C-alpha atoms as a PDB file:
ATOM      1  CA  MET A   1      90.374  79.963 109.365  1.00  0.00           C
ATOM      2  CA  ARG A   2      91.591  82.595 111.775  1.00  0.00           C
ATOM      3  CA  THR A   3      90.919  86.116 110.622  1.00  0.00           C
ATOM      4  CA  PHE A   4      92.858  89.098 111.896  1.00  0.00           C
ATOM      5  CA  MET A   5      90.731  92.249 111.827  1.00  0.00           C
ATOM      6  CA  GLY A   6      91.088  95.802 113.072  1.00  0.00           C
ATOM      7  CA  THR A   7      93.801  98.417 113.404  1.00  0.00           C
ATOM      8  CA  TYR A   8      95.650  99.250 116.603  1.00  0.00           C
ATOM      9  CA  PHE A   9      98.189 101.970 117.270  1.00  0.00           C
ATOM     10  CA  HIS A  10     101.135 101.367 119.582  1.00  0.00           C
ATOM     11  CA  SER A  11     104.623 102.682 120.243  1.00  0.00           C
ATOM     12  CA  LEU A  12     107.794 100.646 120.409  1.00  0.00           C
ATOM     13  CA  ASP A  13     109.660 100.715 123.690  1.00  0.00           C
ATOM     14  CA  THR A  14     113.352 101.622 123.871  1.00  0.00           C
ATOM     15  CA  LYS A  15     114.349  97.989 123.197  1.00  0.00           C
ATOM     16  CA  GLY A  16     112.298  97.768 119.977  1.00  0.00           C
ATOM     17  CA  ARG A  17     109.508  95.722 121.549  1.00  0.00           C
ATOM     18  CA  LEU A  18     105.949  95.937 120.285  1.00  0.00           C
ATOM     19  CA  THR A  19     102.883  94.942 122.252  1.00  0.00           C
ATOM     20  CA  VAL A  20     100.685  92.776 120.029  1.00  0.00           C
ATOM     21  CA  PRO A  21      96.980  93.214 120.825  1.00  0.00           C
ATOM     22  CA  SER A  22      95.644  90.348 122.947  1.00  0.00           C
ATOM     23  CA  ARG A  23      92.898  89.477 120.444  1.00  0.00           C
ATOM     24  CA  PHE A  24      95.631  88.940 117.843  1.00  0.00           C
ATOM     25  CA  ARG A  25      97.853  86.933 120.210  1.00  0.00           C
ATOM     26  CA  GLU A  26      94.923  84.628 121.009  1.00  0.00           C
ATOM     27  CA  LEU A  27      94.835  83.630 117.336  1.00  0.00           C
ATOM     28  CA  MET A  28      98.505  82.548 117.405  1.00  0.00           C
ATOM     29  CA  PRO A  29      98.742  79.887 120.134  1.00  0.00           C
ATOM     30  CA  ASP A  30     101.539  78.045 118.296  1.00  0.00           C
ATOM     31  CA  GLY A  31     103.731  81.093 117.778  1.00  0.00           C
ATOM     32  CA  ALA A  32     104.457  83.276 114.781  1.00  0.00           C
ATOM     33  CA  THR A  33     107.039  84.347 112.229  1.00  0.00           C
ATOM     34  CA  LEU A  34     107.922  87.932 111.377  1.00  0.00           C
ATOM     35  CA  THR A  35     109.299  88.931 107.985  1.00  0.00           C
ATOM     36  CA  GLU A  36     109.443  91.796 105.518  1.00  0.00           C
ATOM     37  CA  GLY A  37     106.185  92.455 103.726  1.00  0.00           C
ATOM     38  CA  VAL A  38     105.923  92.966  99.996  1.00  0.00           C
ATOM     39  CA  GLU A  39     105.105  96.612 100.653  1.00  0.00           C
ATOM     40  CA  GLN A  40     106.908  98.783 103.198  1.00  0.00           C
ATOM     41  CA  CYS A  41     105.616  96.925 106.231  1.00  0.00           C
ATOM     42  CA  LEU A  42     106.335  93.801 108.242  1.00  0.00           C
ATOM     43  CA  ASP A  43     104.193  90.667 108.054  1.00  0.00           C
ATOM     44  CA  LEU A  44     103.479  88.582 111.147  1.00  0.00           C
ATOM     45  CA  TYR A  45     102.202  85.109 110.290  1.00  0.00           C
ATOM     46  CA  PRO A  46     100.785  82.494 112.667  1.00  0.00           C
ATOM     47  CA  SER A  47     102.987  79.390 112.511  1.00  0.00           C
ATOM     48  CA  GLU A  48     100.593  77.284 110.441  1.00  0.00           C
ATOM     49  CA  ILE A  49     100.013  80.037 107.847  1.00  0.00           C
ATOM     50  CA  TRP A  50     103.753  80.724 107.688  1.00  0.00           C
ATOM     51  CA  GLN A  51     104.377  77.064 106.922  1.00  0.00           C
ATOM     52  CA  GLN A  52     101.780  77.116 104.136  1.00  0.00           C
ATOM     53  CA  LYS A  53     103.376  80.236 102.587  1.00  0.00           C
ATOM     54  CA  ALA A  54     106.867  78.777 102.981  1.00  0.00           C
ATOM     55  CA  ASP A  55     105.801  75.529 101.318  1.00  0.00           C
ATOM     56  CA  ARG A  56     104.346  77.441  98.350  1.00  0.00           C
ATOM     57  CA  VAL A  57     107.512  79.472  97.875  1.00  0.00           C
ATOM     58  CA  VAL A  58     109.810  76.473  98.244  1.00  0.00           C
ATOM     59  CA  ALA A  59     107.766  74.738  95.533  1.00  0.00           C
ATOM     60  CA  LEU A  60     108.613  77.503  93.040  1.00  0.00           C
ATOM     61  CA  ASP A  61     111.184  76.667  90.382  1.00  0.00           C
ATOM     62  CA  ASP A  62     114.608  77.482  91.806  1.00  0.00           C
ATOM     63  CA  PHE A  63     115.979  77.640  88.252  1.00  0.00           C
ATOM     64  CA  THR A  64     114.062  80.846  87.512  1.00  0.00           C
ATOM     65  CA  PRO A  65     114.949  84.320  88.757  1.00  0.00           C
ATOM     66  CA  GLU A  66     111.377  84.738  90.011  1.00  0.00           C
ATOM     67  CA  GLY A  67     111.564  81.568  92.101  1.00  0.00           C
ATOM     68  CA  ARG A  68     114.916  82.518  93.614  1.00  0.00           C
ATOM     69  CA  ASN A  69     113.812  86.085  94.328  1.00  0.00           C
ATOM     70  CA  ALA A  70     110.588  84.925  95.968  1.00  0.00           C
ATOM     71  CA  ARG A  71     112.637  82.700  98.303  1.00  0.00           C
ATOM     72  CA  ARG A  72     114.996  85.543  99.098  1.00  0.00           C
ATOM     73  CA  LYS A  73     112.160  87.959  99.828  1.00  0.00           C
ATOM     74  CA  LEU A  74     110.323  85.567 102.118  1.00  0.00           C
ATOM     75  CA  PHE A  75     113.173  83.897 103.967  1.00  0.00           C
ATOM     76  CA  ALA A  76     116.171  86.257 104.068  1.00  0.00           C
ATOM     77  CA  ASN A  77     114.823  88.429 106.863  1.00  0.00           C
ATOM     78  CA  ALA A  78     112.348  86.065 108.519  1.00  0.00           C
ATOM     79  CA  GLU A  79     112.586  85.650 112.279  1.00  0.00           C
ATOM     80  CA  PRO A  80     110.627  83.690 114.859  1.00  0.00           C
ATOM     81  CA  ALA A  81     108.406  86.049 116.839  1.00  0.00           C
ATOM     82  CA  GLU A  82     108.309  85.039 120.471  1.00  0.00           C
ATOM     83  CA  PHE A  83     105.844  86.695 122.827  1.00  0.00           C
ATOM     84  CA  ASP A  84     107.095  87.697 126.254  1.00  0.00           C
ATOM     85  CA  ARG A  85     104.872  87.705 129.366  1.00  0.00           C
ATOM     86  CA  GLN A  86     103.490  91.134 128.448  1.00  0.00           C
ATOM     87  CA  GLY A  87     102.564  90.002 124.917  1.00  0.00           C
ATOM     88  CA  ARG A  88     105.425  91.845 123.241  1.00  0.00           C
ATOM     89  CA  ILE A  89     107.650  90.805 120.354  1.00  0.00           C
ATOM     90  CA  ILE A  90     111.014  92.259 119.415  1.00  0.00           C
ATOM     91  CA  LEU A  91     111.256  93.979 116.047  1.00  0.00           C
ATOM     92  CA  SER A  92     114.914  93.653 115.071  1.00  0.00           C
ATOM     93  CA  GLN A  93     116.760  96.752 113.953  1.00  0.00           C
ATOM     94  CA  SER A  94     117.077  95.403 110.402  1.00  0.00           C
ATOM     95  CA  LEU A  95     113.339  94.719 110.100  1.00  0.00           C
ATOM     96  CA  ARG A  96     112.475  98.113 111.594  1.00  0.00           C
ATOM     97  CA  GLN A  97     114.757  99.793 109.060  1.00  0.00           C
ATOM     98  CA  SER A  98     113.297  97.867 106.117  1.00  0.00           C
ATOM     99  CA  ALA A  99     109.795  99.040 107.065  1.00  0.00           C
ATOM    100  CA  GLY A 100     110.772 102.569 108.079  1.00  0.00           C
ATOM    101  CA  ILE A 101     109.573 101.954 111.640  1.00  0.00           C
ATOM    102  CA  GLU A 102     111.010 104.198 114.324  1.00  0.00           C
ATOM    103  CA  LYS A 103     108.554 104.548 117.229  1.00  0.00           C
ATOM    104  CA  ASP A 104     104.848 104.771 116.403  1.00  0.00           C
ATOM    105  CA  VAL A 105     103.310 101.806 114.606  1.00  0.00           C
ATOM    106  CA  ALA A 106     100.001 100.599 113.242  1.00  0.00           C
ATOM    107  CA  VAL A 107      99.217  96.929 113.851  1.00  0.00           C
ATOM    108  CA  VAL A 108      96.785  96.025 111.088  1.00  0.00           C
ATOM    109  CA  GLY A 109      94.658  92.906 110.796  1.00  0.00           C
ATOM    110  CA  ALA A 110      94.990  91.654 107.214  1.00  0.00           C
ATOM    111  CA  GLY A 111      92.994  88.429 107.127  1.00  0.00           C
ATOM    112  CA  GLU A 112      95.368  85.505 107.646  1.00  0.00           C
ATOM    113  CA  LYS A 113      98.258  87.687 108.824  1.00  0.00           C
ATOM    114  CA  ILE A 114      99.070  90.902 110.667  1.00  0.00           C
ATOM    115  CA  GLU A 115     100.812  93.828 109.028  1.00  0.00           C
ATOM    116  CA  ILE A 116     103.023  96.128 111.073  1.00  0.00           C
ATOM    117  CA  TRP A 117     103.512  99.587 109.564  1.00  0.00           C
ATOM    118  CA  SER A 118     105.085 102.818 110.704  1.00  0.00           C
ATOM    119  CA  GLN A 119     102.063 104.889 111.639  1.00  0.00           C
ATOM    120  CA  ALA A 120     102.868 107.539 109.009  1.00  0.00           C
ATOM    121  CA  SER A 121     103.265 104.933 106.240  1.00  0.00           C
ATOM    122  CA  TRP A 122     100.007 103.251 107.275  1.00  0.00           C
ATOM    123  CA  GLU A 123      98.105 106.539 107.110  1.00  0.00           C
ATOM    124  CA  GLN A 124      99.393 107.083 103.548  1.00  0.00           C
ATOM    125  CA  GLN A 125      98.614 103.497 102.543  1.00  0.00           C
ATOM    126  CA  LYS A 126      95.124 103.692 104.037  1.00  0.00           C
ATOM    127  CA  ARG A 127      94.379 106.832 102.010  1.00  0.00           C
ATOM    128  CA  ARG A 128      95.445 105.007  98.821  1.00  0.00           C
ATOM    129  CA  VAL A 129      93.339 101.984  99.764  1.00  0.00           C
ATOM    130  CA  ASP A 130      90.311 104.151 100.516  1.00  0.00           C
ATOM    131  CA  GLU A 131      90.667 106.034  97.214  1.00  0.00           C
ATOM    132  CA  SER A 132      90.694 102.853  95.162  1.00  0.00           C
ATOM    133  CA  ALA A 133      88.355 100.686  97.274  1.00  0.00           C
ATOM    134  CA  ALA A 134      85.450 100.601  94.829  1.00  0.00           C
ATOM    135  CA  ASP A 135      87.649  99.627  91.879  1.00  0.00           C
ATOM    136  CA  THR A 136      89.536  97.074  93.971  1.00  0.00           C
ATOM    137  CA  MET A 137      86.329  95.395  95.132  1.00  0.00           C
ATOM    138  CA  LEU A 138      84.974  95.298  91.587  1.00  0.00           C
ATOM    139  CA  GLU A 139      88.203  93.703  90.332  1.00  0.00           C
ATOM    140  CA  ALA A 140      88.190  91.174  93.178  1.00  0.00           C
ATOM    141  CA  ARG A 141      84.577  90.321  92.405  1.00  0.00           C
ATOM    142  CA  SER A 142      85.387  89.676  88.745  1.00  0.00           C
ATOM    143  CA  GLN A 143      88.233  87.319  89.749  1.00  0.00           C
ATOM    144  CA  SER A 144      86.134  85.370  92.235  1.00  0.00           C
ATOM    145  CA  THR A 145      83.700  82.567  91.559  1.00  0.00           C
ATOM    146  CA  HIS A 146      81.699  83.992  94.466  1.00  0.00           C
ATOM    147  CA  THR A 147      80.210  87.446  94.540  1.00  0.00           C
ATOM    148  CA  LEU A 148      81.267  89.845  97.286  1.00  0.00           C
END
């Protein structure tokens, strides 16, 4: 499995384009999909991982509010992310607004996907993550059949 790791800081250009770090682009040879994240960020999925997530959501019961809302959250604002020659993708105005992104962004490796945050929101989120890291790891360990 491809693993996205690290945090990079970039600025959007005047057309809303973001340069994706080359080590991240190398892990997405078949393209990617950009959508709203569950938190106030954007998620960038490699094509194969996007398809796996999409298949899981489509399999949810469409007769339940949870199933319908999961579909809406994942698909309503999803867009293909196409890299230009300089390795940039366009963040649409609607996606930028949903994530509170104006100019400065953090491009964060998050395992099987990339998260794109406004830099200010990422700094706040990182503080929360750091404050609860020990408890989070303990909880994850108790849910896993493998020890961390």
